[in-house]
């Protein structure tokens, strides 16, 4: 009887030991699953953060690339402008030479002296050659006489009363102005018309009659 009880107790002990072992194994498996899940979550979080960083760096590279392209275009445009107007200061100095030649031509033509005819022709040839040179650099005279006064291109020296031209018209050019490409390098010095009031007085007189 005692042997039977002892056997029963041993079986119960073994059963309890087996149960405890099973429980410990299940706990270990659960712990492993939790650790595995934690590692997976950390990996997913790391991948998301890396993707965000890559996107941020990609945007930064694109922005820097666009800024570099704009800088290149701006520098190319500035270089074109520099080349376009590089000779402006030299050409402006030539304008004074042209002015003197034109004064000499006007003076010689007024004298009508046969002895100065040869000299006059020489001056005219020099004048024409310089104008051709200026034209190769896209330097052209400003239109002035007979044109409406434009302060962007004309510099009014004085006004002249006249009824032969509409008011605010350039009636005489004292010094030529010049354009280089689309840039004004010297305005025309001009005389601008203004109404004499004669026509207004005549109209008033006619109305009074």
C-alpha atoms as a PDB file:
ATOM      1  CA  UNK A   1       0.000   0.000   0.000  1.00  0.00           C
ATOM      2  CA  UNK A   2       2.816   2.330   0.924  1.00  0.00           C
ATOM      3  CA  UNK A   3       4.586   1.498  -2.337  1.00  0.00           C
ATOM      4  CA  UNK A   4       1.477   2.357  -4.256  1.00  0.00           C
ATOM      5  CA  UNK A   5       1.160   5.753  -2.551  1.00  0.00           C
ATOM      6  CA  UNK A   6       4.810   6.494  -3.201  1.00  0.00           C
ATOM      7  CA  UNK A   7       4.338   5.621  -6.872  1.00  0.00           C
ATOM      8  CA  UNK A   8       1.339   7.912  -7.075  1.00  0.00           C
ATOM      9  CA  UNK A   9       3.283  10.739  -5.496  1.00  0.00           C
ATOM     10  CA  UNK A  10       6.148  10.238  -7.937  1.00  0.00           C
ATOM     11  CA  UNK A  11       3.727  10.345 -10.857  1.00  0.00           C
ATOM     12  CA  UNK A  12       2.145  13.522  -9.503  1.00  0.00           C
ATOM     13  CA  UNK A  13       5.585  15.079  -9.048  1.00  0.00           C
ATOM     14  CA  UNK A  14       6.575  14.105 -12.582  1.00  0.00           C
ATOM     15  CA  UNK A  15       3.284  15.500 -13.873  1.00  0.00           C
ATOM     16  CA  UNK A  16       3.856  18.780 -12.051  1.00  0.00           C
ATOM     17  CA  UNK A  17       7.454  18.886 -13.294  1.00  0.00           C
ATOM     18  CA  UNK A  18       6.277  18.271 -16.862  1.00  0.00           C
ATOM     19  CA  UNK A  19       3.665  20.988 -16.513  1.00  0.00           C
ATOM     20  CA  UNK A  20       6.224  23.444 -15.173  1.00  0.00           C
ATOM     21  CA  UNK A  21       8.599  22.542 -17.994  1.00  0.00           C
ATOM     22  CA  UNK A  22       5.821  23.048 -20.562  1.00  0.00           C
ATOM     23  CA  UNK A  23       4.946  26.397 -18.993  1.00  0.00           C
ATOM     24  CA  UNK A  24       8.575  27.508 -19.040  1.00  0.00           C
ATOM     25  CA  UNK A  25       8.903  26.476 -22.668  1.00  0.00           C
ATOM     26  CA  UNK A  26       5.740  28.369 -23.565  1.00  0.00           C
ATOM     27  CA  UNK A  27       7.043  31.449 -21.704  1.00  0.00           C
ATOM     28  CA  UNK A  28      10.343  31.218 -23.549  1.00  0.00           C
ATOM     29  CA  UNK A  29       8.553  30.884 -26.880  1.00  0.00           C
ATOM     30  CA  UNK A  30       6.353  33.884 -26.051  1.00  0.00           C
ATOM     31  CA  UNK A  31       9.419  35.888 -25.047  1.00  0.00           C
ATOM     32  CA  UNK A  32      11.148  34.927 -28.274  1.00  0.00           C
ATOM     33  CA  UNK A  33       8.090  35.968 -30.285  1.00  0.00           C
ATOM     34  CA  UNK A  34       7.958  39.287 -28.464  1.00  0.00           C
ATOM     35  CA  UNK A  35      11.662  39.875 -29.030  1.00  0.00           C
ATOM     36  CA  UNK A  36      11.287  38.922 -32.673  1.00  0.00           C
ATOM     37  CA  UNK A  37       8.326  41.290 -33.031  1.00  0.00           C
ATOM     38  CA  UNK A  38      10.297  44.071 -31.340  1.00  0.00           C
ATOM     39  CA  UNK A  39      13.220  43.568 -33.705  1.00  0.00           C
ATOM     40  CA  UNK A  40      10.879  43.618 -36.720  1.00  0.00           C
ATOM     41  CA  UNK A  41       9.256  46.851 -35.483  1.00  0.00           C
ATOM     42  CA  UNK A  42      12.660  48.459 -34.997  1.00  0.00           C
ATOM     43  CA  UNK A  43      13.722  47.362 -38.479  1.00  0.00           C
ATOM     44  CA  UNK A  44      10.531  48.799 -39.999  1.00  0.00           C
ATOM     45  CA  UNK A  45      11.016  52.051 -38.080  1.00  0.00           C
ATOM     46  CA  UNK A  46      14.640  52.235 -39.243  1.00  0.00           C
ATOM     47  CA  UNK A  47      13.635  51.645 -42.863  1.00  0.00           C
ATOM     48  CA  UNK A  48      10.955  54.382 -42.678  1.00  0.00           C
ATOM     49  CA  UNK A  49      13.415  56.859 -41.172  1.00  0.00           C
ATOM     50  CA  UNK A  50      16.009  56.004 -43.815  1.00  0.00           C
ATOM     51  CA  UNK A  51      13.460  56.503 -46.606  1.00  0.00           C
ATOM     52  CA  UNK A  52      12.493  59.897 -45.167  1.00  0.00           C
ATOM     53  CA  UNK A  53      16.141  60.936 -45.006  1.00  0.00           C
ATOM     54  CA  UNK A  54      16.735  59.808 -48.573  1.00  0.00           C
ATOM     55  CA  UNK A  55      13.719  61.809 -49.780  1.00  0.00           C
ATOM     56  CA  UNK A  56      14.988  64.855 -47.899  1.00  0.00           C
ATOM     57  CA  UNK A  57      18.460  64.534 -49.421  1.00  0.00           C
ATOM     58  CA  UNK A  58      16.930  64.018 -52.864  1.00  0.00           C
ATOM     59  CA  UNK A  59      14.935  67.252 -52.514  1.00  0.00           C
ATOM     60  CA  UNK A  60      18.087  69.051 -51.333  1.00  0.00           C
ATOM     61  CA  UNK A  61      20.077  67.811 -54.345  1.00  0.00           C
ATOM     62  CA  UNK A  62      17.294  68.860 -56.735  1.00  0.00           C
ATOM     63  CA  UNK A  63      17.098  72.304 -55.139  1.00  0.00           C
ATOM     64  CA  UNK A  64      20.874  72.789 -55.333  1.00  0.00           C
ATOM     65  CA  UNK A  65      20.839  71.590 -58.938  1.00  0.00           C
ATOM     66  CA  UNK A  66      18.120  74.134 -59.828  1.00  0.00           C
ATOM     67  CA  UNK A  67      20.048  76.919 -58.065  1.00  0.00           C
ATOM     68  CA  UNK A  68      23.217  75.965 -59.932  1.00  0.00           C
ATOM     69  CA  UNK A  69      21.354  75.982 -63.265  1.00  0.00           C
ATOM     70  CA  UNK A  70      19.900  79.425 -62.508  1.00  0.00           C
ATOM     71  CA  UNK A  71      23.353  80.689 -61.544  1.00  0.00           C
ATOM     72  CA  UNK A  72      24.810  79.389 -64.825  1.00  0.00           C
ATOM     73  CA  UNK A  73      22.051  81.058 -66.834  1.00  0.00           C
ATOM     74  CA  UNK A  74      22.527  84.323 -64.956  1.00  0.00           C
ATOM     75  CA  UNK A  75      26.282  84.255 -65.542  1.00  0.00           C
ATOM     76  CA  UNK A  76      25.789  83.461 -69.234  1.00  0.00           C
ATOM     77  CA  UNK A  77      23.370  86.376 -69.555  1.00  0.00           C
ATOM     78  CA  UNK A  78      25.767  88.729 -67.753  1.00  0.00           C
ATOM     79  CA  UNK A  79      28.593  87.592 -70.008  1.00  0.00           C
ATOM     80  CA  UNK A  80      26.466  88.219 -73.098  1.00  0.00           C
ATOM     81  CA  UNK A  81      25.580  91.693 -71.825  1.00  0.00           C
ATOM     82  CA  UNK A  82      29.228  92.416 -71.081  1.00  0.00           C
ATOM     83  CA  UNK A  83      30.305  91.355 -74.569  1.00  0.00           C
ATOM     84  CA  UNK A  84      27.403  93.283 -76.103  1.00  0.00           C
ATOM     85  CA  UNK A  85      28.369  96.587 -74.486  1.00  0.00           C
ATOM     86  CA  UNK A  86      32.104  95.985 -73.866  1.00  0.00           C
ATOM     87  CA  UNK A  87      33.159  98.764 -76.292  1.00  0.00           C
ATOM     88  CA  UNK A  88      30.586 101.317 -75.134  1.00  0.00           C
ATOM     89  CA  UNK A  89      33.050 103.698 -73.436  1.00  0.00           C
ATOM     90  CA  UNK A  90      35.390 103.714 -76.454  1.00  0.00           C
ATOM     91  CA  UNK A  91      32.537 104.237 -78.914  1.00  0.00           C
ATOM     92  CA  UNK A  92      31.143 107.098 -76.817  1.00  0.00           C
ATOM     93  CA  UNK A  93      34.488 108.856 -77.167  1.00  0.00           C
ATOM     94  CA  UNK A  94      34.261 108.479 -80.943  1.00  0.00           C
ATOM     95  CA  UNK A  95      30.977 110.409 -80.896  1.00  0.00           C
ATOM     96  CA  UNK A  96      32.901 113.577 -80.037  1.00  0.00           C
ATOM     97  CA  UNK A  97      35.102 113.018 -83.088  1.00  0.00           C
ATOM     98  CA  UNK A  98      31.977 112.644 -85.237  1.00  0.00           C
ATOM     99  CA  UNK A  99      30.554 115.871 -83.796  1.00  0.00           C
ATOM    100  CA  UNK A 100      33.728 117.770 -84.740  1.00  0.00           C
ATOM    101  CA  UNK A 101      33.753 116.289 -88.230  1.00  0.00           C
ATOM    102  CA  UNK A 102      30.102 117.247 -88.779  1.00  0.00           C
ATOM    103  CA  UNK A 103      30.805 120.824 -87.620  1.00  0.00           C
ATOM    104  CA  UNK A 104      33.769 121.016 -90.005  1.00  0.00           C
ATOM    105  CA  UNK A 105      31.599 119.723 -92.876  1.00  0.00           C
ATOM    106  CA  UNK A 106      28.838 122.254 -92.138  1.00  0.00           C
ATOM    107  CA  UNK A 107      31.347 125.097 -91.941  1.00  0.00           C
ATOM    108  CA  UNK A 108      33.074 124.141 -95.203  1.00  0.00           C
ATOM    109  CA  UNK A 109      29.735 123.795 -97.025  1.00  0.00           C
ATOM    110  CA  UNK A 110      28.693 127.278 -95.894  1.00  0.00           C
ATOM    111  CA  UNK A 111      31.892 128.859 -97.177  1.00  0.00           C
ATOM    112  CA  UNK A 112      31.513 127.504-100.750  1.00  0.00           C
ATOM    113  CA  UNK A 113      35.251 127.872-101.214  1.00  0.00           C
ATOM    114  CA  UNK A 114      36.646 125.916-104.171  1.00  0.00           C
ATOM    115  CA  UNK A 115      39.999 125.569-102.427  1.00  0.00           C
ATOM    116  CA  UNK A 116      38.378 123.719 -99.533  1.00  0.00           C
ATOM    117  CA  UNK A 117      36.479 121.264-101.729  1.00  0.00           C
ATOM    118  CA  UNK A 118      39.234 118.675-101.597  1.00  0.00           C
ATOM    119  CA  UNK A 119      39.536 119.016 -97.843  1.00  0.00           C
ATOM    120  CA  UNK A 120      35.744 118.774 -97.506  1.00  0.00           C
ATOM    121  CA  UNK A 121      35.645 115.538 -99.464  1.00  0.00           C
ATOM    122  CA  UNK A 122      38.376 114.107 -97.268  1.00  0.00           C
ATOM    123  CA  UNK A 123      36.486 115.049 -94.110  1.00  0.00           C
ATOM    124  CA  UNK A 124      33.278 113.517 -95.474  1.00  0.00           C
ATOM    125  CA  UNK A 125      35.062 110.265 -96.291  1.00  0.00           C
ATOM    126  CA  UNK A 126      36.510 110.089 -92.776  1.00  0.00           C
ATOM    127  CA  UNK A 127      33.077 110.840 -91.327  1.00  0.00           C
ATOM    128  CA  UNK A 128      31.447 108.094 -93.391  1.00  0.00           C
ATOM    129  CA  UNK A 129      34.105 105.536 -92.430  1.00  0.00           C
ATOM    130  CA  UNK A 130      33.614 106.218 -88.729  1.00  0.00           C
ATOM    131  CA  UNK A 131      29.838 105.878 -89.121  1.00  0.00           C
ATOM    132  CA  UNK A 132      30.359 102.521 -90.845  1.00  0.00           C
ATOM    133  CA  UNK A 133      32.597 101.435 -87.980  1.00  0.00           C
ATOM    134  CA  UNK A 134      29.948 102.417 -85.456  1.00  0.00           C
ATOM    135  CA  UNK A 135      27.330 100.513 -87.405  1.00  0.00           C
ATOM    136  CA  UNK A 136      29.346  97.282 -87.113  1.00  0.00           C
ATOM    137  CA  UNK A 137      28.945  97.662 -83.329  1.00  0.00           C
ATOM    138  CA  UNK A 138      25.179  98.312 -83.726  1.00  0.00           C
ATOM    139  CA  UNK A 139      25.521 102.038 -82.974  1.00  0.00           C
ATOM    140  CA  UNK A 140      22.823 104.063 -84.756  1.00  0.00           C
ATOM    141  CA  UNK A 141      21.704 107.724 -84.562  1.00  0.00           C
ATOM    142  CA  UNK A 142      18.530 108.497 -82.640  1.00  0.00           C
ATOM    143  CA  UNK A 143      15.666 109.782 -84.767  1.00  0.00           C
ATOM    144  CA  UNK A 144      14.964 113.319 -83.648  1.00  0.00           C
ATOM    145  CA  UNK A 145      14.054 116.122 -86.057  1.00  0.00           C
ATOM    146  CA  UNK A 146      10.358 116.089 -86.936  1.00  0.00           C
ATOM    147  CA  UNK A 147       9.659 113.436 -84.287  1.00  0.00           C
ATOM    148  CA  UNK A 148       7.451 113.951 -81.198  1.00  0.00           C
ATOM    149  CA  UNK A 149       9.607 114.880 -78.226  1.00  0.00           C
ATOM    150  CA  UNK A 150      10.490 111.792 -76.189  1.00  0.00           C
ATOM    151  CA  UNK A 151      12.373 112.403 -72.914  1.00  0.00           C
ATOM    152  CA  UNK A 152      13.665 108.830 -73.056  1.00  0.00           C
ATOM    153  CA  UNK A 153      15.747 109.726 -76.147  1.00  0.00           C
ATOM    154  CA  UNK A 154      15.724 113.529 -76.430  1.00  0.00           C
ATOM    155  CA  UNK A 155      17.155 116.223 -74.187  1.00  0.00           C
ATOM    156  CA  UNK A 156      15.321 119.523 -74.641  1.00  0.00           C
ATOM    157  CA  UNK A 157      17.706 122.490 -74.622  1.00  0.00           C
ATOM    158  CA  UNK A 158      15.097 125.128 -75.366  1.00  0.00           C
ATOM    159  CA  UNK A 159      11.634 125.664 -76.840  1.00  0.00           C
ATOM    160  CA  UNK A 160      10.728 127.556 -79.973  1.00  0.00           C
ATOM    161  CA  UNK A 161       7.390 129.155 -80.762  1.00  0.00           C
ATOM    162  CA  UNK A 162       6.093 127.965 -84.106  1.00  0.00           C
ATOM    163  CA  UNK A 163       2.848 127.133 -85.856  1.00  0.00           C
ATOM    164  CA  UNK A 164       4.529 125.058 -88.544  1.00  0.00           C
ATOM    165  CA  UNK A 165       4.796 121.992 -86.282  1.00  0.00           C
ATOM    166  CA  UNK A 166       2.498 120.418 -83.726  1.00  0.00           C
ATOM    167  CA  UNK A 167       3.293 121.389 -80.178  1.00  0.00           C
ATOM    168  CA  UNK A 168       5.994 119.351 -78.430  1.00  0.00           C
ATOM    169  CA  UNK A 169       7.715 118.349 -81.673  1.00  0.00           C
ATOM    170  CA  UNK A 170      11.478 118.323 -82.231  1.00  0.00           C
ATOM    171  CA  UNK A 171      12.042 121.185 -84.691  1.00  0.00           C
ATOM    172  CA  UNK A 172      15.847 121.184 -84.636  1.00  0.00           C
ATOM    173  CA  UNK A 173      18.636 118.886 -83.538  1.00  0.00           C
ATOM    174  CA  UNK A 174      21.658 120.581 -81.950  1.00  0.00           C
ATOM    175  CA  UNK A 175      23.602 117.404 -81.262  1.00  0.00           C
ATOM    176  CA  UNK A 176      22.893 113.890 -82.451  1.00  0.00           C
ATOM    177  CA  UNK A 177      22.011 111.161 -80.011  1.00  0.00           C
ATOM    178  CA  UNK A 178      23.014 107.529 -80.441  1.00  0.00           C
ATOM    179  CA  UNK A 179      21.756 104.080 -79.541  1.00  0.00           C
ATOM    180  CA  UNK A 180      23.921 101.004 -79.040  1.00  0.00           C
ATOM    181  CA  UNK A 181      21.721  97.985 -79.652  1.00  0.00           C
ATOM    182  CA  UNK A 182      18.702  98.931 -77.522  1.00  0.00           C
ATOM    183  CA  UNK A 183      20.616 101.100 -75.038  1.00  0.00           C
ATOM    184  CA  UNK A 184      20.803 104.891 -75.230  1.00  0.00           C
ATOM    185  CA  UNK A 185      24.450 105.924 -74.990  1.00  0.00           C
ATOM    186  CA  UNK A 186      23.771 109.620 -75.631  1.00  0.00           C
ATOM    187  CA  UNK A 187      20.487 111.544 -75.912  1.00  0.00           C
ATOM    188  CA  UNK A 188      19.817 113.976 -78.735  1.00  0.00           C
ATOM    189  CA  UNK A 189      20.057 117.640 -77.731  1.00  0.00           C
ATOM    190  CA  UNK A 190      17.048 119.259 -79.369  1.00  0.00           C
ATOM    191  CA  UNK A 191      14.847 122.311 -79.712  1.00  0.00           C
ATOM    192  CA  UNK A 192      11.160 121.578 -79.046  1.00  0.00           C
ATOM    193  CA  UNK A 193       8.209 123.429 -80.544  1.00  0.00           C
ATOM    194  CA  UNK A 194       5.555 125.203 -78.579  1.00  0.00           C
ATOM    195  CA  UNK A 195       2.442 126.998 -79.750  1.00  0.00           C
ATOM    196  CA  UNK A 196       2.819 130.726 -80.432  1.00  0.00           C
ATOM    197  CA  UNK A 197      -0.827 131.307 -79.599  1.00  0.00           C
ATOM    198  CA  UNK A 198      -1.328 133.052 -82.950  1.00  0.00           C
ATOM    199  CA  UNK A 199      -3.897 130.566 -84.195  1.00  0.00           C
ATOM    200  CA  UNK A 200      -5.764 130.724 -80.905  1.00  0.00           C
ATOM    201  CA  UNK A 201      -5.963 134.507 -81.157  1.00  0.00           C
ATOM    202  CA  UNK A 202      -7.203 134.311 -84.749  1.00  0.00           C
ATOM    203  CA  UNK A 203      -9.894 131.797 -83.761  1.00  0.00           C
ATOM    204  CA  UNK A 204     -10.939 134.031 -80.890  1.00  0.00           C
ATOM    205  CA  UNK A 205     -11.131 137.024 -83.247  1.00  0.00           C
ATOM    206  CA  UNK A 206     -13.256 135.058 -85.715  1.00  0.00           C
ATOM    207  CA  UNK A 207     -15.648 134.072 -82.944  1.00  0.00           C
ATOM    208  CA  UNK A 208     -15.947 137.695 -81.773  1.00  0.00           C
ATOM    209  CA  UNK A 209     -16.913 138.740 -85.311  1.00  0.00           C
END
